[in-house]
Amino acid sequence: MVARNNSGDISLTFTKVPRQVTVTDSFGDITLVLPPGSATYRVATRNSFGSTTVSVPQSPTAGNMITASNNSGNITIITQNDHTVAHTHPASSSPSA
Protein backbone atom coordinates (compact mmCIF):
# COMPACT_ATOMS: atom_id res chain seq x y z
CA MET A 1 0.00 0.00 0.00
CA VAL A 2 1.39 3.37 -1.02
CA ALA A 3 -0.32 6.67 -0.14
CA ARG A 4 0.95 10.16 -0.97
CA ASN A 5 -0.49 13.59 -0.32
CA ASN A 6 0.90 17.11 -0.56
CA SER A 7 -1.59 18.89 1.67
CA GLY A 8 -4.14 17.27 3.96
CA ASP A 9 -4.47 14.37 6.36
CA ILE A 10 -3.98 10.70 5.50
CA SER A 11 -5.84 8.19 7.66
CA LEU A 12 -5.72 4.46 6.91
CA THR A 13 -7.31 1.64 8.92
CA PHE A 14 -6.29 -1.95 8.17
CA THR A 15 -8.39 -5.02 8.96
CA LYS A 16 -5.59 -7.42 7.95
CA VAL A 17 -1.89 -7.18 8.72
CA PRO A 18 -0.28 -5.20 5.88
CA ARG A 19 2.99 -6.52 4.48
CA GLN A 20 4.28 -3.12 3.36
CA VAL A 21 2.90 0.39 3.86
CA THR A 22 4.58 3.58 2.64
CA VAL A 23 2.89 6.88 3.45
CA THR A 24 4.26 10.31 2.51
CA ASP A 25 2.58 13.64 3.32
CA SER A 26 3.92 17.17 3.10
CA PHE A 27 1.43 19.11 5.25
CA GLY A 28 -1.09 17.20 7.35
CA ASP A 29 -1.38 14.37 9.85
CA ILE A 30 -0.71 10.71 9.09
CA THR A 31 -2.73 8.16 11.08
CA LEU A 32 -2.30 4.42 10.57
CA VAL A 33 -4.51 2.04 12.54
CA LEU A 34 -3.28 -1.55 12.34
CA PRO A 35 -5.22 -4.67 13.35
CA PRO A 36 -4.83 -6.04 16.88
CA GLY A 37 -2.85 -9.23 17.37
CA SER A 38 0.65 -10.55 17.74
CA ALA A 39 2.05 -9.28 14.41
CA THR A 40 5.23 -7.23 14.67
CA TYR A 41 6.29 -4.39 12.40
CA ARG A 42 9.51 -2.80 11.25
CA VAL A 43 8.63 0.89 11.59
CA ALA A 44 10.56 3.81 10.08
CA THR A 45 9.31 7.37 10.53
CA ARG A 46 10.61 10.79 9.51
CA ASN A 47 8.93 13.92 10.77
CA SER A 48 10.34 17.44 10.45
CA PHE A 49 7.69 19.37 12.43
CA GLY A 50 5.14 17.55 14.58
CA SER A 51 4.91 14.67 17.02
CA THR A 52 5.38 10.98 16.32
CA THR A 53 3.51 8.28 18.26
CA VAL A 54 4.15 4.60 17.55
CA SER A 55 2.43 2.04 19.77
CA VAL A 56 2.49 -1.14 17.70
CA PRO A 57 4.65 -4.22 18.41
CA GLN A 58 8.02 -3.63 16.73
CA SER A 59 10.96 -5.77 15.71
CA PRO A 60 13.96 -4.80 13.57
CA THR A 61 13.61 -8.15 11.76
CA ALA A 62 9.83 -8.08 11.20
CA GLY A 63 8.61 -8.90 7.71
CA ASN A 64 5.85 -6.26 7.91
CA MET A 65 7.29 -2.85 7.02
CA ILE A 66 5.70 0.51 7.84
CA THR A 67 7.30 3.72 6.53
CA ALA A 68 5.78 7.13 7.27
CA SER A 69 7.31 10.47 6.24
CA ASN A 70 5.91 13.90 6.97
CA ASN A 71 7.26 17.44 6.69
CA SER A 72 4.70 19.22 8.85
CA GLY A 73 2.13 17.31 10.88
CA ASN A 74 1.79 14.46 13.34
CA ILE A 75 2.46 10.77 12.68
CA THR A 76 0.40 8.26 14.67
CA ILE A 77 0.77 4.49 14.22
CA ILE A 78 -1.41 2.45 16.56
CA THR A 79 -3.41 -0.78 16.77
CA GLN A 80 -7.19 -0.87 16.70
CA ASN A 81 -7.17 -1.53 20.46
CA ASP A 82 -5.51 1.86 21.00
CA HIS A 83 -7.74 3.65 18.46
CA THR A 84 -10.56 4.48 20.89
CA VAL A 85 -8.07 5.97 23.33
CA ALA A 86 -6.00 7.91 20.80
CA HIS A 87 -8.83 9.36 18.73
CA THR A 88 -12.36 10.25 19.70
CA HIS A 89 -14.96 10.83 17.05
CA PRO A 90 -17.95 12.96 18.19
CA ALA A 91 -20.36 11.03 15.96
CA SER A 92 -19.52 7.72 17.64
CA SER A 93 -18.78 8.76 21.21
CA SER A 94 -21.22 7.72 23.89
CA PRO A 95 -22.66 10.14 26.40
CA SER A 96 -21.45 9.95 30.00
CA ALA A 97 -23.76 8.11 32.39
PDB file of N, CA and C in Angstrom:
ATOM      1  N   MET A   1       0.854  -1.167   0.000  1.00  0.00           N
ATOM      2  CA  MET A   1       0.000   0.000   0.000  1.00  0.00           C
ATOM      3  C   MET A   1       0.896   1.225   0.000  1.00  0.00           C
ATOM      4  N   VAL A   2       0.658   2.116  -0.939  1.00  0.00           N
ATOM      5  CA  VAL A   2       1.385   3.373  -1.015  1.00  0.00           C
ATOM      6  C   VAL A   2       0.366   4.505  -1.037  1.00  0.00           C
ATOM      7  N   ALA A   3       0.563   5.493  -0.163  1.00  0.00           N
ATOM      8  CA  ALA A   3      -0.317   6.669  -0.137  1.00  0.00           C
ATOM      9  C   ALA A   3       0.551   7.914  -0.087  1.00  0.00           C
ATOM     10  N   ARG A   4       0.204   8.896  -0.941  1.00  0.00           N
ATOM     11  CA  ARG A   4       0.951  10.162  -0.973  1.00  0.00           C
ATOM     12  C   ARG A   4      -0.044  11.313  -0.999  1.00  0.00           C
ATOM     13  N   ASN A   5       0.355  12.402  -0.351  1.00  0.00           N
ATOM     14  CA  ASN A   5      -0.487  13.585  -0.321  1.00  0.00           C
ATOM     15  C   ASN A   5       0.418  14.792  -0.102  1.00  0.00           C
ATOM     16  N   ASN A   6       0.111  15.890  -0.766  1.00  0.00           N
ATOM     17  CA  ASN A   6       0.899  17.108  -0.560  1.00  0.00           C
ATOM     18  C   ASN A   6       0.334  17.992   0.537  1.00  0.00           C
ATOM     19  N   SER A   7      -0.976  18.012   0.683  1.00  0.00           N
ATOM     20  CA  SER A   7      -1.591  18.885   1.670  1.00  0.00           C
ATOM     21  C   SER A   7      -2.897  18.274   2.141  1.00  0.00           C
ATOM     22  N   GLY A   8      -2.949  17.893   3.402  1.00  0.00           N
ATOM     23  CA  GLY A   8      -4.144  17.266   3.959  1.00  0.00           C
ATOM     24  C   GLY A   8      -3.770  16.031   4.748  1.00  0.00           C
ATOM     25  N   ASP A   9      -4.717  15.522   5.508  1.00  0.00           N
ATOM     26  CA  ASP A   9      -4.474  14.372   6.361  1.00  0.00           C
ATOM     27  C   ASP A   9      -4.606  13.068   5.582  1.00  0.00           C
ATOM     28  N   ILE A  10      -3.846  12.060   6.023  1.00  0.00           N
ATOM     29  CA  ILE A  10      -3.978  10.703   5.501  1.00  0.00           C
ATOM     30  C   ILE A  10      -4.318   9.818   6.690  1.00  0.00           C
ATOM     31  N   SER A  11      -5.421   9.091   6.591  1.00  0.00           N
ATOM     32  CA  SER A  11      -5.839   8.186   7.656  1.00  0.00           C
ATOM     33  C   SER A  11      -6.200   6.842   7.037  1.00  0.00           C
ATOM     34  N   LEU A  12      -5.487   5.792   7.451  1.00  0.00           N
ATOM     35  CA  LEU A  12      -5.717   4.456   6.912  1.00  0.00           C
ATOM     36  C   LEU A  12      -5.968   3.487   8.057  1.00  0.00           C
ATOM     37  N   THR A  13      -6.999   2.673   7.928  1.00  0.00           N
ATOM     38  CA  THR A  13      -7.309   1.641   8.916  1.00  0.00           C
ATOM     39  C   THR A  13      -7.253   0.290   8.214  1.00  0.00           C
ATOM     40  N   PHE A  14      -6.477  -0.632   8.771  1.00  0.00           N
ATOM     41  CA  PHE A  14      -6.286  -1.946   8.173  1.00  0.00           C
ATOM     42  C   PHE A  14      -7.033  -3.000   8.977  1.00  0.00           C
ATOM     43  N   THR A  15      -7.712  -3.915   8.287  1.00  0.00           N
ATOM     44  CA  THR A  15      -8.387  -5.022   8.959  1.00  0.00           C
ATOM     45  C   THR A  15      -7.542  -6.288   8.919  1.00  0.00           C
ATOM     46  N   LYS A  16      -6.546  -6.316   8.031  1.00  0.00           N
ATOM     47  CA  LYS A  16      -5.591  -7.423   7.953  1.00  0.00           C
ATOM     48  C   LYS A  16      -4.189  -6.841   8.047  1.00  0.00           C
ATOM     49  N   VAL A  17      -3.270  -7.635   8.557  1.00  0.00           N
ATOM     50  CA  VAL A  17      -1.888  -7.178   8.722  1.00  0.00           C
ATOM     51  C   VAL A  17      -1.298  -6.837   7.356  1.00  0.00           C
ATOM     52  N   PRO A  18      -0.884  -5.578   7.165  1.00  0.00           N
ATOM     53  CA  PRO A  18      -0.279  -5.202   5.881  1.00  0.00           C
ATOM     54  C   PRO A  18       1.181  -5.648   5.828  1.00  0.00           C
ATOM     55  N   ARG A  19       1.604  -6.076   4.674  1.00  0.00           N
ATOM     56  CA  ARG A  19       2.988  -6.523   4.481  1.00  0.00           C
ATOM     57  C   ARG A  19       3.924  -5.323   4.328  1.00  0.00           C
ATOM     58  N   GLN A  20       3.460  -4.313   3.561  1.00  0.00           N
ATOM     59  CA  GLN A  20       4.278  -3.120   3.357  1.00  0.00           C
ATOM     60  C   GLN A  20       3.374  -1.908   3.182  1.00  0.00           C
ATOM     61  N   VAL A  21       3.652  -0.861   3.949  1.00  0.00           N
ATOM     62  CA  VAL A  21       2.903   0.393   3.861  1.00  0.00           C
ATOM     63  C   VAL A  21       3.917   1.526   3.782  1.00  0.00           C
ATOM     64  N   THR A  22       3.750   2.385   2.782  1.00  0.00           N
ATOM     65  CA  THR A  22       4.585   3.575   2.645  1.00  0.00           C
ATOM     66  C   THR A  22       3.660   4.776   2.502  1.00  0.00           C
ATOM     67  N   VAL A  23       3.757   5.701   3.449  1.00  0.00           N
ATOM     68  CA  VAL A  23       2.889   6.882   3.446  1.00  0.00           C
ATOM     69  C   VAL A  23       3.774   8.122   3.492  1.00  0.00           C
ATOM     70  N   THR A  24       3.506   9.056   2.573  1.00  0.00           N
ATOM     71  CA  THR A  24       4.255  10.313   2.509  1.00  0.00           C
ATOM     72  C   THR A  24       3.271  11.465   2.438  1.00  0.00           C
ATOM     73  N   ASP A  25       3.446  12.454   3.307  1.00  0.00           N
ATOM     74  CA  ASP A  25       2.585  13.636   3.317  1.00  0.00           C
ATOM     75  C   ASP A  25       3.472  14.856   3.533  1.00  0.00           C
ATOM     76  N   SER A  26       3.141  15.951   2.907  1.00  0.00           N
ATOM     77  CA  SER A  26       3.924  17.171   3.105  1.00  0.00           C
ATOM     78  C   SER A  26       3.369  18.019   4.243  1.00  0.00           C
ATOM     79  N   PHE A  27       2.058  18.269   4.231  1.00  0.00           N
ATOM     80  CA  PHE A  27       1.427  19.114   5.249  1.00  0.00           C
ATOM     81  C   PHE A  27       0.123  18.468   5.675  1.00  0.00           C
ATOM     82  N   GLY A  28       0.103  17.859   6.841  1.00  0.00           N
ATOM     83  CA  GLY A  28      -1.090  17.195   7.350  1.00  0.00           C
ATOM     84  C   GLY A  28      -0.687  16.040   8.247  1.00  0.00           C
ATOM     85  N   ASP A  29      -1.648  15.478   8.940  1.00  0.00           N
ATOM     86  CA  ASP A  29      -1.385  14.373   9.849  1.00  0.00           C
ATOM     87  C   ASP A  29      -1.467  13.038   9.125  1.00  0.00           C
ATOM     88  N   ILE A  30      -0.663  12.083   9.573  1.00  0.00           N
ATOM     89  CA  ILE A  30      -0.712  10.706   9.092  1.00  0.00           C
ATOM     90  C   ILE A  30      -1.174   9.842  10.263  1.00  0.00           C
ATOM     91  N   THR A  31      -2.243   9.081  10.058  1.00  0.00           N
ATOM     92  CA  THR A  31      -2.729   8.158  11.075  1.00  0.00           C
ATOM     93  C   THR A  31      -2.880   6.784  10.452  1.00  0.00           C
ATOM     94  N   LEU A  32      -2.188   5.805  11.011  1.00  0.00           N
ATOM     95  CA  LEU A  32      -2.299   4.422  10.571  1.00  0.00           C
ATOM     96  C   LEU A  32      -2.824   3.600  11.740  1.00  0.00           C
ATOM     97  N   VAL A  33      -3.923   2.889  11.514  1.00  0.00           N
ATOM     98  CA  VAL A  33      -4.513   2.035  12.535  1.00  0.00           C
ATOM     99  C   VAL A  33      -4.388   0.597  12.043  1.00  0.00           C
ATOM    100  N   LEU A  34      -3.567  -0.181  12.741  1.00  0.00           N
ATOM    101  CA  LEU A  34      -3.281  -1.548  12.344  1.00  0.00           C
ATOM    102  C   LEU A  34      -4.122  -2.519  13.164  1.00  0.00           C
ATOM    103  N   PRO A  35      -4.361  -3.724  12.638  1.00  0.00           N
ATOM    104  CA  PRO A  35      -5.218  -4.671  13.346  1.00  0.00           C
ATOM    105  C   PRO A  35      -4.568  -5.162  14.643  1.00  0.00           C
ATOM    106  N   PRO A  36      -5.387  -5.501  15.637  1.00  0.00           N
ATOM    107  CA  PRO A  36      -4.830  -6.042  16.877  1.00  0.00           C
ATOM    108  C   PRO A  36      -4.259  -7.436  16.623  1.00  0.00           C
ATOM    109  N   GLY A  37      -3.417  -7.893  17.518  1.00  0.00           N
ATOM    110  CA  GLY A  37      -2.855  -9.228  17.374  1.00  0.00           C
ATOM    111  C   GLY A  37      -1.377  -9.241  17.682  1.00  0.00           C
ATOM    112  N   SER A  38      -0.747 -10.356  17.366  1.00  0.00           N
ATOM    113  CA  SER A  38       0.652 -10.555  17.736  1.00  0.00           C
ATOM    114  C   SER A  38       1.643 -10.170  16.631  1.00  0.00           C
ATOM    115  N   ALA A  39       1.152  -9.663  15.505  1.00  0.00           N
ATOM    116  CA  ALA A  39       2.048  -9.282  14.407  1.00  0.00           C
ATOM    117  C   ALA A  39       3.006  -8.183  14.866  1.00  0.00           C
ATOM    118  N   THR A  40       4.247  -8.274  14.384  1.00  0.00           N
ATOM    119  CA  THR A  40       5.225  -7.229  14.669  1.00  0.00           C
ATOM    120  C   THR A  40       5.540  -6.481  13.381  1.00  0.00           C
ATOM    121  N   TYR A  41       6.040  -5.272  13.538  1.00  0.00           N
ATOM    122  CA  TYR A  41       6.287  -4.388  12.404  1.00  0.00           C
ATOM    123  C   TYR A  41       7.680  -3.794  12.510  1.00  0.00           C
ATOM    124  N   ARG A  42       8.289  -3.586  11.349  1.00  0.00           N
ATOM    125  CA  ARG A  42       9.511  -2.801  11.253  1.00  0.00           C
ATOM    126  C   ARG A  42       9.052  -1.411  10.871  1.00  0.00           C
ATOM    127  N   VAL A  43       9.194  -0.446  11.781  1.00  0.00           N
ATOM    128  CA  VAL A  43       8.633   0.895  11.593  1.00  0.00           C
ATOM    129  C   VAL A  43       9.759   1.904  11.386  1.00  0.00           C
ATOM    130  N   ALA A  44       9.627   2.711  10.328  1.00  0.00           N
ATOM    131  CA  ALA A  44      10.557   3.810  10.076  1.00  0.00           C
ATOM    132  C   ALA A  44       9.730   5.073   9.889  1.00  0.00           C
ATOM    133  N   THR A  45      10.027   6.105  10.659  1.00  0.00           N
ATOM    134  CA  THR A  45       9.310   7.371  10.535  1.00  0.00           C
ATOM    135  C   THR A  45      10.305   8.504  10.354  1.00  0.00           C
ATOM    136  N   ARG A  46       9.845   9.541   9.652  1.00  0.00           N
ATOM    137  CA  ARG A  46      10.610  10.785   9.510  1.00  0.00           C
ATOM    138  C   ARG A  46       9.609  11.917   9.606  1.00  0.00           C
ATOM    139  N   ASN A  47       9.850  12.818  10.540  1.00  0.00           N
ATOM    140  CA  ASN A  47       8.929  13.921  10.768  1.00  0.00           C
ATOM    141  C   ASN A  47       9.746  15.173  11.058  1.00  0.00           C
ATOM    142  N   SER A  48       9.591  16.210  10.249  1.00  0.00           N
ATOM    143  CA  SER A  48      10.344  17.444  10.453  1.00  0.00           C
ATOM    144  C   SER A  48       9.715  18.321  11.535  1.00  0.00           C
ATOM    145  N   PHE A  49       8.401  18.518  11.471  1.00  0.00           N
ATOM    146  CA  PHE A  49       7.690  19.368  12.433  1.00  0.00           C
ATOM    147  C   PHE A  49       6.410  18.656  12.846  1.00  0.00           C
ATOM    148  N   GLY A  50       6.310  18.261  14.086  1.00  0.00           N
ATOM    149  CA  GLY A  50       5.142  17.550  14.583  1.00  0.00           C
ATOM    150  C   GLY A  50       5.570  16.413  15.487  1.00  0.00           C
ATOM    151  N   SER A  51       4.597  15.769  16.108  1.00  0.00           N
ATOM    152  CA  SER A  51       4.910  14.670  17.024  1.00  0.00           C
ATOM    153  C   SER A  51       4.774  13.334  16.312  1.00  0.00           C
ATOM    154  N   THR A  52       5.460  12.337  16.851  1.00  0.00           N
ATOM    155  CA  THR A  52       5.380  10.983  16.320  1.00  0.00           C
ATOM    156  C   THR A  52       5.026  10.039  17.457  1.00  0.00           C
ATOM    157  N   THR A  53       3.948   9.268  17.278  1.00  0.00           N
ATOM    158  CA  THR A  53       3.513   8.280  18.260  1.00  0.00           C
ATOM    159  C   THR A  53       3.437   6.926  17.569  1.00  0.00           C
ATOM    160  N   VAL A  54       4.181   5.959  18.090  1.00  0.00           N
ATOM    161  CA  VAL A  54       4.148   4.602  17.552  1.00  0.00           C
ATOM    162  C   VAL A  54       3.894   3.664  18.719  1.00  0.00           C
ATOM    163  N   SER A  55       2.747   2.970  18.692  1.00  0.00           N
ATOM    164  CA  SER A  55       2.431   2.039  19.773  1.00  0.00           C
ATOM    165  C   SER A  55       1.976   0.694  19.214  1.00  0.00           C
ATOM    166  N   VAL A  56       2.737   0.189  18.253  1.00  0.00           N
ATOM    167  CA  VAL A  56       2.494  -1.142  17.697  1.00  0.00           C
ATOM    168  C   VAL A  56       3.696  -2.015  18.053  1.00  0.00           C
ATOM    169  N   PRO A  57       3.516  -3.338  18.125  1.00  0.00           N
ATOM    170  CA  PRO A  57       4.649  -4.217  18.405  1.00  0.00           C
ATOM    171  C   PRO A  57       5.704  -4.092  17.301  1.00  0.00           C
ATOM    172  N   GLN A  58       6.962  -3.863  17.707  1.00  0.00           N
ATOM    173  CA  GLN A  58       8.020  -3.629  16.731  1.00  0.00           C
ATOM    174  C   GLN A  58       9.154  -4.639  16.863  1.00  0.00           C
ATOM    175  N   SER A  59       9.774  -4.921  15.750  1.00  0.00           N
ATOM    176  CA  SER A  59      10.957  -5.767  15.707  1.00  0.00           C
ATOM    177  C   SER A  59      11.794  -5.338  14.505  1.00  0.00           C
ATOM    178  N   PRO A  60      13.108  -5.207  14.691  1.00  0.00           N
ATOM    179  CA  PRO A  60      13.956  -4.798  13.566  1.00  0.00           C
ATOM    180  C   PRO A  60      14.029  -5.857  12.463  1.00  0.00           C
ATOM    181  N   THR A  61      13.582  -7.085  12.758  1.00  0.00           N
ATOM    182  CA  THR A  61      13.612  -8.150  11.755  1.00  0.00           C
ATOM    183  C   THR A  61      12.223  -8.530  11.249  1.00  0.00           C
ATOM    184  N   ALA A  62      11.211  -7.770  11.610  1.00  0.00           N
ATOM    185  CA  ALA A  62       9.834  -8.083  11.197  1.00  0.00           C
ATOM    186  C   ALA A  62       9.699  -8.023   9.681  1.00  0.00           C
ATOM    187  N   GLY A  63       8.858  -8.885   9.151  1.00  0.00           N
ATOM    188  CA  GLY A  63       8.605  -8.897   7.709  1.00  0.00           C
ATOM    189  C   GLY A  63       7.596  -7.860   7.272  1.00  0.00           C
ATOM    190  N   ASN A  64       6.860  -7.284   8.210  1.00  0.00           N
ATOM    191  CA  ASN A  64       5.847  -6.259   7.908  1.00  0.00           C
ATOM    192  C   ASN A  64       6.498  -4.892   8.093  1.00  0.00           C
ATOM    193  N   MET A  65       6.569  -4.120   7.005  1.00  0.00           N
ATOM    194  CA  MET A  65       7.289  -2.847   7.016  1.00  0.00           C
ATOM    195  C   MET A  65       6.334  -1.670   6.920  1.00  0.00           C
ATOM    196  N   ILE A  66       6.489  -0.718   7.843  1.00  0.00           N
ATOM    197  CA  ILE A  66       5.695   0.511   7.843  1.00  0.00           C
ATOM    198  C   ILE A  66       6.660   1.684   7.733  1.00  0.00           C
ATOM    199  N   THR A  67       6.484   2.521   6.701  1.00  0.00           N
ATOM    200  CA  THR A  67       7.302   3.717   6.527  1.00  0.00           C
ATOM    201  C   THR A  67       6.375   4.920   6.431  1.00  0.00           C
ATOM    202  N   ALA A  68       6.598   5.912   7.283  1.00  0.00           N
ATOM    203  CA  ALA A  68       5.776   7.125   7.266  1.00  0.00           C
ATOM    204  C   ALA A  68       6.693   8.341   7.296  1.00  0.00           C
ATOM    205  N   SER A  69       6.505   9.251   6.333  1.00  0.00           N
ATOM    206  CA  SER A  69       7.308  10.470   6.245  1.00  0.00           C
ATOM    207  C   SER A  69       6.394  11.673   6.167  1.00  0.00           C
ATOM    208  N   ASN A  70       6.740  12.709   6.919  1.00  0.00           N
ATOM    209  CA  ASN A  70       5.909  13.904   6.966  1.00  0.00           C
ATOM    210  C   ASN A  70       6.799  15.119   7.175  1.00  0.00           C
ATOM    211  N   ASN A  71       6.505  16.202   6.490  1.00  0.00           N
ATOM    212  CA  ASN A  71       7.262  17.437   6.693  1.00  0.00           C
ATOM    213  C   ASN A  71       6.665  18.286   7.811  1.00  0.00           C
ATOM    214  N   SER A  72       5.353  18.382   7.855  1.00  0.00           N
ATOM    215  CA  SER A  72       4.703  19.223   8.853  1.00  0.00           C
ATOM    216  C   SER A  72       3.376  18.603   9.248  1.00  0.00           C
ATOM    217  N   GLY A  73       3.337  17.979  10.400  1.00  0.00           N
ATOM    218  CA  GLY A  73       2.131  17.311  10.879  1.00  0.00           C
ATOM    219  C   GLY A  73       2.516  16.149  11.771  1.00  0.00           C
ATOM    220  N   ASN A  74       1.547  15.556  12.415  1.00  0.00           N
ATOM    221  CA  ASN A  74       1.788  14.460  13.341  1.00  0.00           C
ATOM    222  C   ASN A  74       1.749  13.116  12.625  1.00  0.00           C
ATOM    223  N   ILE A  75       2.496  12.150  13.154  1.00  0.00           N
ATOM    224  CA  ILE A  75       2.457  10.773  12.681  1.00  0.00           C
ATOM    225  C   ILE A  75       1.993   9.919  13.849  1.00  0.00           C
ATOM    226  N   THR A  76       0.922   9.155  13.642  1.00  0.00           N
ATOM    227  CA  THR A  76       0.399   8.258  14.666  1.00  0.00           C
ATOM    228  C   THR A  76       0.239   6.877  14.062  1.00  0.00           C
ATOM    229  N   ILE A  77       0.871   5.880  14.672  1.00  0.00           N
ATOM    230  CA  ILE A  77       0.771   4.495  14.216  1.00  0.00           C
ATOM    231  C   ILE A  77       0.373   3.660  15.430  1.00  0.00           C
ATOM    232  N   ILE A  78      -0.856   3.142  15.413  1.00  0.00           N
ATOM    233  CA  ILE A  78      -1.414   2.445  16.564  1.00  0.00           C
ATOM    234  C   ILE A  78      -2.151   1.190  16.114  1.00  0.00           C
ATOM    235  N   THR A  79      -2.541   0.357  17.078  1.00  0.00           N
ATOM    236  CA  THR A  79      -3.406  -0.779  16.772  1.00  0.00           C
ATOM    237  C   THR A  79      -4.850  -0.382  17.029  1.00  0.00           C
ATOM    238  N   GLN A  80      -5.775  -1.170  16.519  1.00  0.00           N
ATOM    239  CA  GLN A  80      -7.190  -0.868  16.702  1.00  0.00           C
ATOM    240  C   GLN A  80      -7.563  -0.815  18.169  1.00  0.00           C
ATOM    241  N   ASN A  81      -6.894  -1.571  19.027  1.00  0.00           N
ATOM    242  CA  ASN A  81      -7.174  -1.528  20.465  1.00  0.00           C
ATOM    243  C   ASN A  81      -6.890  -0.152  21.041  1.00  0.00           C
ATOM    244  N   ASP A  82      -5.871   0.528  20.525  1.00  0.00           N
ATOM    245  CA  ASP A  82      -5.510   1.864  21.000  1.00  0.00           C
ATOM    246  C   ASP A  82      -6.341   2.962  20.353  1.00  0.00           C
ATOM    247  N   HIS A  83      -7.051   2.639  19.273  1.00  0.00           N
ATOM    248  CA  HIS A  83      -7.738   3.653  18.465  1.00  0.00           C
ATOM    249  C   HIS A  83      -8.761   4.432  19.268  1.00  0.00           C
ATOM    250  N   THR A  84      -9.531   3.770  20.136  1.00  0.00           N
ATOM    251  CA  THR A  84     -10.556   4.482  20.886  1.00  0.00           C
ATOM    252  C   THR A  84      -9.940   5.428  21.906  1.00  0.00           C
ATOM    253  N   VAL A  85      -8.743   5.109  22.376  1.00  0.00           N
ATOM    254  CA  VAL A  85      -8.067   5.975  23.331  1.00  0.00           C
ATOM    255  C   VAL A  85      -7.415   7.155  22.624  1.00  0.00           C
ATOM    256  N   ALA A  86      -6.782   6.881  21.491  1.00  0.00           N
ATOM    257  CA  ALA A  86      -6.001   7.910  20.799  1.00  0.00           C
ATOM    258  C   ALA A  86      -6.867   8.918  20.060  1.00  0.00           C
ATOM    259  N   HIS A  87      -7.989   8.467  19.525  1.00  0.00           N
ATOM    260  CA  HIS A  87      -8.825   9.358  18.728  1.00  0.00           C
ATOM    261  C   HIS A  87     -10.283   9.212  19.154  1.00  0.00           C
ATOM    262  N   THR A  88     -10.933  10.312  19.425  1.00  0.00           N
ATOM    263  CA  THR A  88     -12.364  10.253  19.702  1.00  0.00           C
ATOM    264  C   THR A  88     -13.093  10.915  18.553  1.00  0.00           C
ATOM    265  N   HIS A  89     -14.152  10.297  18.136  1.00  0.00           N
ATOM    266  CA  HIS A  89     -14.964  10.828  17.050  1.00  0.00           C
ATOM    267  C   HIS A  89     -16.315  11.234  17.620  1.00  0.00           C
ATOM    268  N   PRO A  90     -16.693  12.508  17.581  1.00  0.00           N
ATOM    269  CA  PRO A  90     -17.950  12.957  18.187  1.00  0.00           C
ATOM    270  C   PRO A  90     -19.165  12.160  17.722  1.00  0.00           C
ATOM    271  N   ALA A  91     -19.192  11.740  16.484  1.00  0.00           N
ATOM    272  CA  ALA A  91     -20.360  11.033  15.964  1.00  0.00           C
ATOM    273  C   ALA A  91     -20.523   9.656  16.613  1.00  0.00           C
ATOM    274  N   SER A  92     -19.417   9.064  17.087  1.00  0.00           N
ATOM    275  CA  SER A  92     -19.523   7.724  17.637  1.00  0.00           C
ATOM    276  C   SER A  92     -19.257   7.667  19.142  1.00  0.00           C
ATOM    277  N   SER A  93     -19.030   8.805  19.768  1.00  0.00           N
ATOM    278  CA  SER A  93     -18.777   8.759  21.212  1.00  0.00           C
ATOM    279  C   SER A  93     -20.083   8.623  21.971  1.00  0.00           C
ATOM    280  N   SER A  94     -20.003   7.913  23.100  1.00  0.00           N
ATOM    281  CA  SER A  94     -21.223   7.720  23.887  1.00  0.00           C
ATOM    282  C   SER A  94     -21.299   8.737  25.001  1.00  0.00           C
ATOM    283  N   PRO A  95     -22.505   9.149  25.329  1.00  0.00           N
ATOM    284  CA  PRO A  95     -22.660  10.143  26.403  1.00  0.00           C
ATOM    285  C   PRO A  95     -22.275   9.544  27.750  1.00  0.00           C
ATOM    286  N   SER A  96     -21.821  10.395  28.652  1.00  0.00           N
ATOM    287  CA  SER A  96     -21.453   9.947  29.999  1.00  0.00           C
ATOM    288  C   SER A  96     -22.704   9.600  30.771  1.00  0.00           C
ATOM    289  N   ALA A  97     -22.593   8.548  31.588  1.00  0.00           N
ATOM    290  CA  ALA A  97     -23.757   8.114  32.393  1.00  0.00           C
ATOM    291  C   ALA A  97     -23.706   8.764  33.745  1.00  0.00           C
TER     292      ALA A  97
END
